[in-house]
Amino acid sequence: MSSPSRIERVEPGPGQESVWDYPRPPRVERSPATVEVRLDGRVIVRTRNAVRVLETSHPPVYYLPIDDVAPGTLVPVEGTTHCEFKGAASYFDVVSGDARIPRGAWTYPSPVRGYEELATRVAIYPSRMDACTVDGEAVQAQEGDFYGGWLTSGIVGPFKGAPGTWGW
């Protein structure tokens, strides 16, 4: 599938946000929502202390306090990647009961200036969990397997990540 020659922004309705109104470089903002993640039938994190990273063309990525994640759930693994804005990311396997999700979460332990709030937080790929919710609403995962955005009914696109969108 080739990249469309013109991206058609979806006009947000009442109470919605368009990812095309998000900035680049991305912005970090606090979220008042209750965020919950379930894996292997267990709640591995429930918090009202999340932040969202908002970047043009992407659903928000929620970063959750590492201290709010159930003990033993995040197992550090080898390897890093680099974000042009936030710096070096480190990864975790996510473990709950009989489930082990390789590299299911990431953090920026020493983020670049402007992203310091992420240093004590973890982002979790919603596509790899049993369920993720924001204020009780089930999250849909951003298409593709790279960005890890959390899509709710309050967010409109189109969204980068699916095949054919890399050139946006």
Protein backbone atom coordinates (compact mmCIF):
# COMPACT_ATOMS: atom_id res chain seq x y z
CA MET A 1 0.00 0.00 0.00
CA SER A 2 1.48 3.33 -0.94
CA SER A 3 1.38 6.43 1.19
CA PRO A 4 -1.58 8.68 0.36
CA SER A 5 -0.65 11.86 -1.46
CA ARG A 6 -2.78 13.91 0.91
CA ILE A 7 -3.65 13.09 4.51
CA GLU A 8 -7.28 13.90 5.32
CA ARG A 9 -7.48 15.12 8.92
CA VAL A 10 -10.60 13.96 10.73
CA GLU A 11 -12.36 16.94 12.30
CA PRO A 12 -12.73 16.33 16.05
CA GLY A 13 -16.20 16.36 17.52
CA PRO A 14 -17.16 17.68 20.96
CA GLY A 15 -14.78 16.33 23.61
CA GLN A 16 -12.38 14.90 21.02
CA GLU A 17 -8.78 15.71 20.09
CA SER A 18 -7.14 15.41 16.69
CA VAL A 19 -3.65 13.94 16.65
CA TRP A 20 -2.93 16.47 13.91
CA ASP A 21 -3.21 19.21 16.54
CA TYR A 22 -0.50 17.57 18.68
CA PRO A 23 2.98 19.14 18.47
CA ARG A 24 6.27 17.97 17.04
CA PRO A 25 8.51 17.67 19.00
CA PRO A 26 6.12 15.87 21.35
CA ARG A 27 4.66 17.36 24.52
CA VAL A 28 4.38 15.65 27.92
CA GLU A 29 1.22 16.43 29.86
CA ARG A 30 -0.35 15.11 33.04
CA SER A 31 -3.53 13.07 32.73
CA PRO A 32 -6.25 13.11 35.39
CA ALA A 33 -7.62 9.78 34.08
CA THR A 34 -7.58 6.46 35.89
CA VAL A 35 -5.38 4.16 33.80
CA GLU A 36 -5.44 0.40 34.25
CA VAL A 37 -3.49 -2.43 32.61
CA ARG A 38 -4.38 -6.13 32.89
CA LEU A 39 -2.27 -9.15 32.00
CA ASP A 40 -3.01 -12.82 32.65
CA GLY A 41 -6.23 -11.90 34.41
CA ARG A 42 -4.51 -9.57 36.89
CA VAL A 43 -4.38 -5.81 37.26
CA ILE A 44 -0.67 -5.05 36.95
CA VAL A 45 -1.08 -1.29 37.29
CA ARG A 46 -3.86 1.11 38.21
CA THR A 47 -2.96 4.76 38.57
CA ARG A 48 -4.32 8.29 38.51
CA ASN A 49 -0.79 9.64 38.07
CA ALA A 50 -0.17 9.03 34.36
CA VAL A 51 1.30 11.42 31.83
CA ARG A 52 0.59 11.39 28.11
CA VAL A 53 3.14 12.03 25.40
CA LEU A 54 1.41 13.78 22.51
CA GLU A 55 3.03 13.83 19.09
CA THR A 56 1.67 14.85 15.70
CA SER A 57 -0.10 11.95 13.92
CA HIS A 58 0.10 9.54 16.90
CA PRO A 59 -2.43 8.50 19.52
CA PRO A 60 -1.18 9.42 23.01
CA VAL A 61 1.33 7.15 24.71
CA TYR A 62 0.60 6.83 28.42
CA TYR A 63 3.58 6.73 30.77
CA LEU A 64 2.76 5.23 34.16
CA PRO A 65 4.73 5.56 37.41
CA ILE A 66 7.03 2.55 37.76
CA ASP A 67 6.27 2.58 41.50
CA ASP A 68 2.56 1.97 40.70
CA VAL A 69 3.28 -1.23 38.74
CA ALA A 70 2.85 -4.49 40.68
CA PRO A 71 6.18 -5.68 42.14
CA GLY A 72 7.98 -8.23 39.95
CA THR A 73 6.01 -7.30 36.84
CA LEU A 74 8.78 -5.37 35.04
CA VAL A 75 11.90 -7.41 34.28
CA PRO A 76 14.72 -5.37 32.69
CA VAL A 77 16.11 -6.80 29.44
CA GLU A 78 19.16 -6.08 27.28
CA GLY A 79 19.16 -3.58 24.47
CA THR A 80 18.13 -0.01 23.86
CA THR A 81 16.63 2.09 21.10
CA HIS A 82 16.93 5.81 20.50
CA CYS A 83 14.19 8.41 20.11
CA GLU A 84 15.22 11.60 18.35
CA PHE A 85 13.33 13.60 20.99
CA LYS A 86 13.47 11.67 24.27
CA GLY A 87 16.84 9.89 24.08
CA ALA A 88 17.75 6.26 24.88
CA ALA A 89 14.92 3.86 25.76
CA SER A 90 15.40 0.75 27.89
CA TYR A 91 12.99 -2.19 27.82
CA PHE A 92 11.24 -4.60 30.14
CA ASP A 93 9.62 -7.96 29.76
CA VAL A 94 6.19 -7.73 31.39
CA VAL A 95 5.43 -10.70 33.65
CA SER A 96 2.15 -11.65 35.32
CA GLY A 97 1.15 -15.16 36.37
CA ASP A 98 1.99 -17.49 33.47
CA ALA A 99 2.35 -14.64 30.96
CA ARG A 100 5.68 -13.14 29.93
CA ILE A 101 5.54 -10.46 27.24
CA PRO A 102 9.01 -9.87 25.78
CA ARG A 103 9.87 -6.17 25.57
CA GLY A 104 6.28 -5.27 26.38
CA ALA A 105 7.22 -2.00 28.09
CA TRP A 106 9.86 0.68 27.90
CA THR A 107 11.25 3.65 29.82
CA TYR A 108 13.63 6.55 29.36
CA PRO A 109 15.84 6.29 32.49
CA SER A 110 17.88 9.37 31.51
CA PRO A 111 15.72 11.33 29.07
CA VAL A 112 16.90 14.49 27.36
CA ARG A 113 15.97 17.92 28.69
CA GLY A 114 12.26 18.59 28.52
CA TYR A 115 11.32 14.95 29.08
CA GLU A 116 12.66 14.49 32.63
CA GLU A 117 9.22 13.48 33.92
CA LEU A 118 9.50 10.21 31.97
CA ALA A 119 12.56 9.01 33.96
CA THR A 120 10.43 7.31 36.65
CA ARG A 121 7.69 6.10 34.32
CA VAL A 122 7.05 3.20 32.01
CA ALA A 123 5.06 2.95 28.77
CA ILE A 124 3.31 -0.32 27.99
CA TYR A 125 2.30 -1.63 24.56
CA PRO A 126 -1.50 -1.97 24.77
CA SER A 127 -1.51 -4.49 21.89
CA ARG A 128 0.43 -6.98 24.01
CA MET A 129 -1.70 -6.80 27.17
CA ASP A 130 -5.04 -8.44 27.94
CA ALA A 131 -6.63 -5.02 28.36
CA CYS A 132 -5.76 -1.39 28.94
CA THR A 133 -8.36 1.17 29.98
CA VAL A 134 -8.54 4.93 30.40
CA ASP A 135 -11.32 5.95 32.81
CA GLY A 136 -12.89 2.54 32.19
CA GLU A 137 -12.86 2.81 28.38
CA ALA A 138 -11.09 -0.05 26.60
CA VAL A 139 -8.08 1.17 24.65
CA GLN A 140 -7.43 0.19 21.05
CA ALA A 141 -3.76 -0.18 20.19
CA GLN A 142 -2.16 2.04 17.58
CA GLU A 143 -1.67 0.01 14.40
CA GLY A 144 1.80 -1.30 13.74
CA ASP A 145 4.21 -2.61 16.33
CA PHE A 146 6.48 0.34 16.93
CA TYR A 147 4.84 3.37 18.54
CA GLY A 148 2.58 1.96 21.27
CA GLY A 149 -0.14 4.62 21.18
CA TRP A 150 -3.38 4.28 23.15
CA LEU A 151 -6.49 5.01 21.08
CA THR A 152 -9.74 5.99 22.80
CA SER A 153 -12.99 7.45 21.47
CA GLY A 154 -11.72 10.93 22.35
CA ILE A 155 -8.91 10.75 19.78
CA VAL A 156 -9.29 11.12 16.00
CA GLY A 157 -6.76 10.68 13.21
CA PRO A 158 -5.76 9.40 10.79
CA PHE A 159 -2.90 7.78 12.68
CA LYS A 160 0.64 6.97 11.69
CA GLY A 161 1.82 3.40 12.29
CA ALA A 162 -0.17 1.22 9.90
CA PRO A 163 1.41 -0.10 6.69
CA GLY A 164 1.74 2.72 4.16
CA THR A 165 1.97 5.51 6.74
CA TRP A 166 5.73 5.63 7.35
CA GLY A 167 6.20 8.42 4.80
CA TRP A 168 3.83 10.82 6.55
